[in-house]
Amino acid sequence: MRRLLLPALLLTSAPALAQQGMDHSMHNMGAKGGQDADAAKSTNEPQSVEHAGHDGASAPPAGQAGAETPEPVGTDQSPGSAEPPPVAHDRPADRYYDPKAMSEAEAALMAAHGSARYSQLAFNLAEVQLKRGDEGYRWDAEAWLGDLHRFVLKSEGEGTFGEKIGNAEVQALYSDALDPWWNLQLGVRQDFAPGPNRTYAVLGFEGRAPYQFDVNAHAFLSDKGQLRARFDGTYDQRITQRLILQPRLELNFALQDMPANRLGSGLNDAELGLRLRYEIKREFAPYIGVSWTWLGGRTADYARADGHDTRERAVVIGVKTWF
């Protein structure tokens, strides 16, 4: 009988034991799940300063512990103190030889042979003047030699065909560049006609004013203490690359009367010209134009007394050239 009761008890107790084991495992899983939820909740909550780190900074995210902050680039970098790169030089030999030795050799070469010299001969005006019954001529030429320091020789004058030269002058000047646009000039001027010959000391400026006006302004002190002055300006208005319209203004003054030269004090004369030239080449440009001249003050009185007009108009035909 006992042999029959023992198997029956085992069969009836097995489901209960299985159910008890299942309840125990479910309890363990629930406890573990609760712990995971608490851990997840704790990661979403802000940490106190004590738990942030020793220096108060936030701890790196999970999985990035010990990661380094990237180096700043571009304008985020702090200003440096490194030496600037060497200045580029136009001597290719510096790539193969000591630049200092090359600079010393260049300085010695310049001292031995000097800088380059340039020269030019230019006729700003070389024209025939067609007036009422009196055909004449006029020239305005300049030659120079040098670089920033130049020797300049100028000559200008006019006359009537078949007669003596009306007036003529020559200037020998030293010209020094003050900047890329202006030259200081000083020297001597010699007049040949009309009236007695006069020698003058010359001081003046020439250059290019703003808006591309070419300007000359000079003062002349004669060997007799007579002071004169001249101002002239031109402007090249390009119609095309070769066709150019040039207005020209010239004013002459005297500080005192000069009866021997038939000049009065104040404004002696004023000339306004308008010339249209065509540059066949840059060095050769024929032109045609018109010129008006007025005499002023006592100079006009001298002209009337000598039987000359105080106003003249002329059609001009000429060439502007340089070599």
Protein backbone atom coordinates (compact mmCIF):
# COMPACT_ATOMS: atom_id res chain seq x y z
CA MET A 1 0.00 0.00 0.00
CA ARG A 2 2.81 2.37 0.85
CA ARG A 3 4.34 1.59 -2.50
CA LEU A 4 1.20 2.88 -4.21
CA LEU A 5 0.83 6.10 -2.10
CA LEU A 6 4.40 7.43 -2.75
CA PRO A 7 4.05 7.70 -6.57
CA ALA A 8 0.62 9.34 -6.12
CA LEU A 9 2.02 12.02 -3.81
CA LEU A 10 4.84 12.80 -6.22
CA LEU A 11 2.42 13.25 -9.09
CA THR A 12 0.15 15.60 -7.13
CA SER A 13 3.02 17.74 -5.75
CA ALA A 14 4.84 18.31 -9.09
CA PRO A 15 2.43 20.97 -10.49
CA ALA A 16 2.55 22.88 -7.19
CA LEU A 17 6.33 22.88 -7.16
CA ALA A 18 6.41 24.03 -10.78
CA GLN A 19 3.97 26.85 -10.02
CA GLN A 20 6.04 27.89 -7.00
CA GLY A 21 9.23 27.95 -9.09
CA MET A 22 7.56 30.05 -11.73
CA ASP A 23 6.31 32.56 -9.17
CA HIS A 24 9.80 32.83 -7.71
CA SER A 25 11.38 33.48 -11.14
CA MET A 26 8.78 36.10 -11.96
CA HIS A 27 9.54 37.83 -8.70
CA ASN A 28 13.24 37.95 -9.54
CA MET A 29 12.54 39.35 -12.99
CA GLY A 30 10.30 42.03 -11.55
CA ALA A 31 12.94 43.07 -9.10
CA LYS A 32 15.57 43.26 -11.81
CA GLY A 33 13.27 45.28 -14.06
CA GLY A 34 12.62 47.73 -11.27
CA GLN A 35 16.33 48.19 -10.76
CA ASP A 36 16.85 48.86 -14.52
CA ALA A 37 14.04 51.44 -14.53
CA ASP A 38 15.56 53.21 -11.55
CA ALA A 39 18.94 53.26 -13.30
CA ALA A 40 17.42 54.70 -16.49
CA LYS A 41 15.57 57.32 -14.47
CA SER A 42 18.73 58.33 -12.67
CA THR A 43 20.55 58.98 -15.98
CA ASN A 44 17.85 61.48 -17.06
CA GLU A 45 18.00 63.42 -13.82
CA PRO A 46 20.54 66.34 -13.49
CA GLN A 47 23.56 65.49 -11.44
CA SER A 48 24.70 67.55 -8.54
CA VAL A 49 28.00 69.40 -8.61
CA GLU A 50 29.51 66.83 -6.28
CA HIS A 51 28.77 64.03 -8.76
CA ALA A 52 29.69 66.06 -11.92
CA GLY A 53 33.43 65.71 -11.53
CA HIS A 54 36.35 67.03 -9.62
CA ASP A 55 36.49 70.36 -11.56
CA GLY A 56 32.75 70.97 -11.77
CA ALA A 57 32.56 69.96 -15.46
CA SER A 58 30.00 67.50 -16.67
CA ALA A 59 31.14 63.95 -16.96
CA PRO A 60 31.53 62.65 -20.50
CA PRO A 61 28.58 60.71 -21.90
CA ALA A 62 28.51 56.98 -21.48
CA GLY A 63 30.71 55.26 -24.02
CA GLN A 64 32.86 58.41 -24.51
CA ALA A 65 34.73 58.46 -21.29
CA GLY A 66 38.20 59.96 -21.76
CA ALA A 67 37.37 61.50 -25.22
CA GLU A 68 39.53 64.62 -26.02
CA THR A 69 38.06 68.01 -27.06
CA PRO A 70 38.82 68.68 -30.80
CA GLU A 71 41.45 71.30 -31.58
CA PRO A 72 40.04 74.69 -32.81
CA VAL A 73 40.55 75.48 -36.48
CA GLY A 74 40.42 78.60 -38.67
CA THR A 75 39.34 81.79 -36.93
CA ASP A 76 38.54 79.81 -33.77
CA GLN A 77 42.24 79.55 -33.05
CA SER A 78 43.89 82.02 -30.72
CA PRO A 79 46.35 84.61 -32.22
CA GLY A 80 49.82 83.21 -32.60
CA SER A 81 53.25 84.72 -32.18
CA ALA A 82 55.14 82.89 -34.91
CA GLU A 83 57.48 84.79 -37.22
CA PRO A 84 55.94 85.96 -40.53
CA PRO A 85 57.05 84.19 -43.71
CA PRO A 86 60.02 85.71 -45.52
CA VAL A 87 59.33 88.49 -48.02
CA ALA A 88 59.34 87.23 -51.59
CA HIS A 89 62.07 88.72 -53.77
CA ASP A 90 62.27 88.94 -57.53
CA ARG A 91 65.79 87.47 -57.63
CA PRO A 92 65.49 83.81 -58.67
CA ALA A 93 69.11 83.28 -57.58
CA ASP A 94 67.97 83.67 -53.96
CA ARG A 95 66.66 80.12 -54.21
CA TYR A 96 70.16 78.77 -54.61
CA TYR A 97 72.45 81.38 -53.00
CA ASP A 98 72.50 83.23 -49.72
CA PRO A 99 69.98 86.13 -50.03
CA LYS A 100 72.18 88.36 -47.88
CA ALA A 101 75.14 87.83 -50.20
CA MET A 102 72.91 88.51 -53.22
CA SER A 103 71.66 91.80 -51.68
CA GLU A 104 75.23 92.96 -51.04
CA ALA A 105 76.22 92.08 -54.62
CA GLU A 106 73.19 93.96 -56.00
CA ALA A 107 74.02 97.06 -53.93
CA ALA A 108 77.63 96.98 -55.14
CA LEU A 109 76.47 96.68 -58.75
CA MET A 110 74.12 99.63 -58.40
CA ALA A 111 76.86 101.73 -56.82
CA ALA A 112 79.31 100.87 -59.62
CA HIS A 113 77.00 101.42 -62.59
CA GLY A 114 74.17 103.56 -61.20
CA SER A 115 70.50 103.24 -62.06
CA ALA A 116 69.15 103.06 -65.58
CA ARG A 117 68.97 106.27 -67.61
CA TYR A 118 66.10 107.16 -69.91
CA SER A 119 65.61 109.88 -72.48
CA GLN A 120 62.89 111.40 -74.63
CA LEU A 121 62.44 114.11 -77.24
CA ALA A 122 58.86 115.34 -77.60
CA PHE A 123 57.10 117.98 -79.68
CA ASN A 124 53.93 118.84 -77.81
CA LEU A 125 53.13 121.45 -80.45
CA ALA A 126 54.55 121.62 -83.96
CA GLU A 127 51.97 123.44 -86.03
CA VAL A 128 51.08 125.88 -88.76
CA GLN A 129 48.74 128.70 -87.72
CA LEU A 130 46.31 130.00 -90.32
CA LYS A 131 45.21 133.53 -89.41
CA ARG A 132 43.53 136.29 -91.41
CA GLY A 133 46.19 136.96 -94.03
CA ASP A 134 49.08 136.03 -91.74
CA GLU A 135 50.17 132.41 -91.81
CA GLY A 136 52.55 131.56 -89.03
CA TYR A 137 54.09 128.69 -87.10
CA ARG A 138 54.57 127.62 -83.51
CA TRP A 139 56.56 125.02 -81.61
CA ASP A 140 56.69 123.70 -78.04
CA ALA A 141 59.38 121.03 -77.59
CA GLU A 142 61.02 119.27 -74.66
CA ALA A 143 63.96 116.86 -74.29
CA TRP A 144 65.07 115.16 -71.09
CA LEU A 145 67.63 112.66 -69.85
CA GLY A 146 67.69 110.79 -66.54
CA ASP A 147 65.42 108.84 -64.22
CA LEU A 148 63.93 110.37 -61.07
CA HIS A 149 66.51 113.14 -61.45
CA ARG A 150 66.49 114.62 -64.95
CA PHE A 151 68.15 117.24 -67.04
CA VAL A 152 65.41 118.95 -69.06
CA LEU A 153 65.77 121.20 -72.09
CA LYS A 154 62.66 123.12 -73.21
CA SER A 155 62.06 125.46 -76.13
CA GLU A 156 59.03 127.28 -77.43
CA GLY A 157 58.25 130.14 -79.75
CA GLU A 158 56.28 131.38 -82.71
CA GLY A 159 56.58 133.57 -85.78
CA THR A 160 55.14 134.57 -89.14
CA PHE A 161 56.33 133.10 -92.43
CA GLY A 162 58.62 135.49 -94.26
CA GLU A 163 59.45 137.51 -91.15
CA LYS A 164 61.73 137.22 -88.16
CA ILE A 165 60.82 134.99 -85.24
CA GLY A 166 58.20 136.71 -83.16
CA ASN A 167 59.43 135.33 -79.83
CA ALA A 168 61.55 132.39 -78.72
CA GLU A 169 62.94 131.03 -75.48
CA VAL A 170 65.05 128.12 -74.21
CA GLN A 171 65.03 126.69 -70.68
CA ALA A 172 67.67 124.43 -69.12
CA LEU A 173 66.27 122.80 -65.98
CA TYR A 174 67.04 120.25 -63.31
CA SER A 175 63.93 118.18 -62.54
CA ASP A 176 63.50 116.18 -59.34
CA ALA A 177 60.58 113.80 -58.73
CA LEU A 178 58.69 114.71 -55.56
CA ASP A 179 56.31 111.77 -55.88
CA PRO A 180 54.91 109.68 -58.76
CA TRP A 181 52.87 112.65 -60.00
CA TRP A 182 54.88 115.86 -59.49
CA ASN A 183 58.34 117.18 -60.40
CA LEU A 184 60.14 120.15 -58.94
CA GLN A 185 62.09 122.10 -61.57
CA LEU A 186 64.72 124.81 -61.30
CA GLY A 187 67.19 126.27 -63.76
CA VAL A 188 67.60 129.13 -66.22
CA ARG A 189 65.64 130.60 -69.13
CA GLN A 190 66.99 132.64 -72.01
CA ASP A 191 64.76 134.82 -74.20
CA PHE A 192 65.88 135.72 -77.73
CA ALA A 193 63.07 137.86 -79.13
CA PRO A 194 61.37 140.29 -79.24
CA GLY A 195 63.10 143.22 -77.59
CA PRO A 196 66.26 142.89 -75.53
CA ASN A 197 67.43 139.44 -74.58
CA ARG A 198 66.71 138.51 -70.99
CA THR A 199 68.03 135.75 -68.72
CA TYR A 200 65.78 134.40 -65.97
CA ALA A 201 66.11 132.08 -62.99
CA VAL A 202 63.33 129.48 -63.11
CA LEU A 203 61.47 127.71 -60.30
CA GLY A 204 58.32 125.70 -60.79
CA PHE A 205 56.35 122.48 -60.82
CA GLU A 206 55.04 120.15 -63.46
CA GLY A 207 52.89 117.10 -63.08
CA ARG A 208 49.49 115.52 -63.27
CA ALA A 209 46.69 116.89 -61.11
CA PRO A 210 43.62 114.86 -60.06
CA TYR A 211 41.27 113.92 -62.90
CA GLN A 212 44.27 113.61 -65.29
CA PHE A 213 45.03 117.29 -65.91
CA ASP A 214 48.62 117.93 -67.04
CA VAL A 215 49.79 121.12 -65.33
CA ASN A 216 52.86 123.38 -65.51
CA ALA A 217 53.38 126.37 -63.20
CA HIS A 218 56.66 128.33 -63.23
CA ALA A 219 58.02 131.63 -61.93
CA PHE A 220 60.79 133.58 -63.74
CA LEU A 221 63.10 136.17 -62.15
CA SER A 222 65.13 138.16 -64.69
CA ASP A 223 68.65 139.51 -64.30
CA LYS A 224 67.00 142.95 -64.01
CA GLY A 225 64.84 141.89 -61.05
CA GLN A 226 61.67 141.52 -63.13
CA LEU A 227 59.29 138.79 -62.01
CA ARG A 228 57.09 136.87 -64.43
CA ALA A 229 54.96 133.74 -64.18
CA ARG A 230 53.32 131.20 -66.48
CA PHE A 231 50.61 128.62 -66.00
CA ASP A 232 49.40 126.12 -68.58
CA GLY A 233 47.25 123.03 -68.43
CA THR A 234 45.93 120.40 -70.82
CA TYR A 235 43.47 117.54 -70.63
CA ASP A 236 43.21 114.56 -72.98
CA GLN A 237 39.60 113.55 -73.55
CA ARG A 238 39.60 110.21 -75.38
CA ILE A 239 36.77 109.82 -77.85
CA THR A 240 38.15 106.47 -79.03
CA GLN A 241 41.42 104.68 -78.32
CA ARG A 242 43.08 106.73 -81.08
CA LEU A 243 40.97 109.88 -81.43
CA ILE A 244 41.64 112.43 -78.68
CA LEU A 245 40.25 115.92 -78.04
CA GLN A 246 42.64 118.15 -76.08
CA PRO A 247 41.62 121.51 -74.53
CA ARG A 248 44.59 123.73 -73.66
CA LEU A 249 44.87 126.85 -71.50
CA GLU A 250 47.90 129.12 -71.03
CA LEU A 251 48.21 132.28 -68.92
CA ASN A 252 51.23 134.64 -68.68
CA PHE A 253 51.74 137.28 -65.97
CA ALA A 254 54.22 140.02 -65.07
CA LEU A 255 54.63 141.67 -61.68
CA GLN A 256 55.72 145.03 -63.13
CA ASP A 257 55.73 146.92 -66.41
CA MET A 258 58.41 145.90 -68.91
CA PRO A 259 58.24 148.54 -71.68
CA ALA A 260 61.33 147.23 -73.49
CA ASN A 261 59.60 143.87 -73.89
CA ARG A 262 56.20 145.53 -74.60
CA LEU A 263 54.70 143.84 -71.55
CA GLY A 264 52.54 145.38 -68.83
CA SER A 265 51.93 144.39 -65.25
CA GLY A 266 49.20 141.86 -64.49
CA LEU A 267 47.84 139.41 -67.02
CA ASN A 268 49.87 139.74 -70.24
CA ASP A 269 47.99 137.27 -72.39
CA ALA A 270 45.63 134.29 -72.26
CA GLU A 271 45.31 131.50 -74.79
CA LEU A 272 42.59 128.90 -75.15
CA GLY A 273 43.02 126.10 -77.67
CA LEU A 274 41.09 123.05 -78.77
CA ARG A 275 42.91 120.37 -80.78
CA LEU A 276 41.64 117.06 -82.14
CA ARG A 277 44.39 114.54 -82.85
CA TYR A 278 44.49 111.03 -84.23
CA GLU A 279 47.19 108.71 -82.93
CA ILE A 280 48.41 106.73 -85.93
CA LYS A 281 50.89 105.45 -83.40
CA ARG A 282 51.34 106.56 -79.82
CA GLU A 283 54.51 108.29 -80.96
CA PHE A 284 52.94 110.10 -83.92
CA ALA A 285 49.61 111.94 -83.87
CA PRO A 286 48.58 114.62 -86.42
CA TYR A 287 45.98 117.11 -85.24
CA ILE A 288 43.76 119.97 -86.30
CA GLY A 289 42.19 122.62 -84.11
CA VAL A 290 41.55 126.24 -83.30
CA SER A 291 43.27 128.71 -80.97
CA TRP A 292 42.12 132.02 -79.44
CA THR A 293 44.50 134.58 -77.89
CA TRP A 294 43.68 137.71 -75.86
CA LEU A 295 46.06 140.42 -74.63
CA GLY A 296 45.31 142.11 -71.33
CA GLY A 297 46.05 145.28 -69.38
CA ARG A 298 49.01 147.40 -70.36
CA THR A 299 50.21 144.69 -72.76
CA ALA A 300 47.09 145.32 -74.87
CA ASP A 301 47.86 149.06 -74.80
CA TYR A 302 51.38 148.41 -76.10
CA ALA A 303 49.96 146.22 -78.89
CA ARG A 304 47.48 148.91 -80.01
CA ALA A 305 50.25 151.51 -80.02
CA ASP A 306 52.33 149.24 -82.26
CA GLY A 307 49.41 148.63 -84.64
CA HIS A 308 48.71 145.01 -83.60
CA ASP A 309 45.45 143.31 -82.76
CA THR A 310 44.70 142.49 -79.16
CA ARG A 311 42.66 139.41 -80.12
CA GLU A 312 43.57 136.69 -82.55
CA ARG A 313 42.00 133.51 -83.78
CA ALA A 314 43.83 130.86 -85.76
CA VAL A 315 43.11 127.49 -87.29
CA VAL A 316 46.02 125.19 -86.46
CA ILE A 317 47.30 122.08 -88.22
CA GLY A 318 50.18 120.18 -86.74
CA VAL A 319 51.59 117.01 -85.23
CA LYS A 320 52.33 115.78 -81.72
CA THR A 321 55.25 113.37 -81.67
CA TRP A 322 57.91 111.93 -79.41
CA PHE A 323 60.98 109.74 -79.77
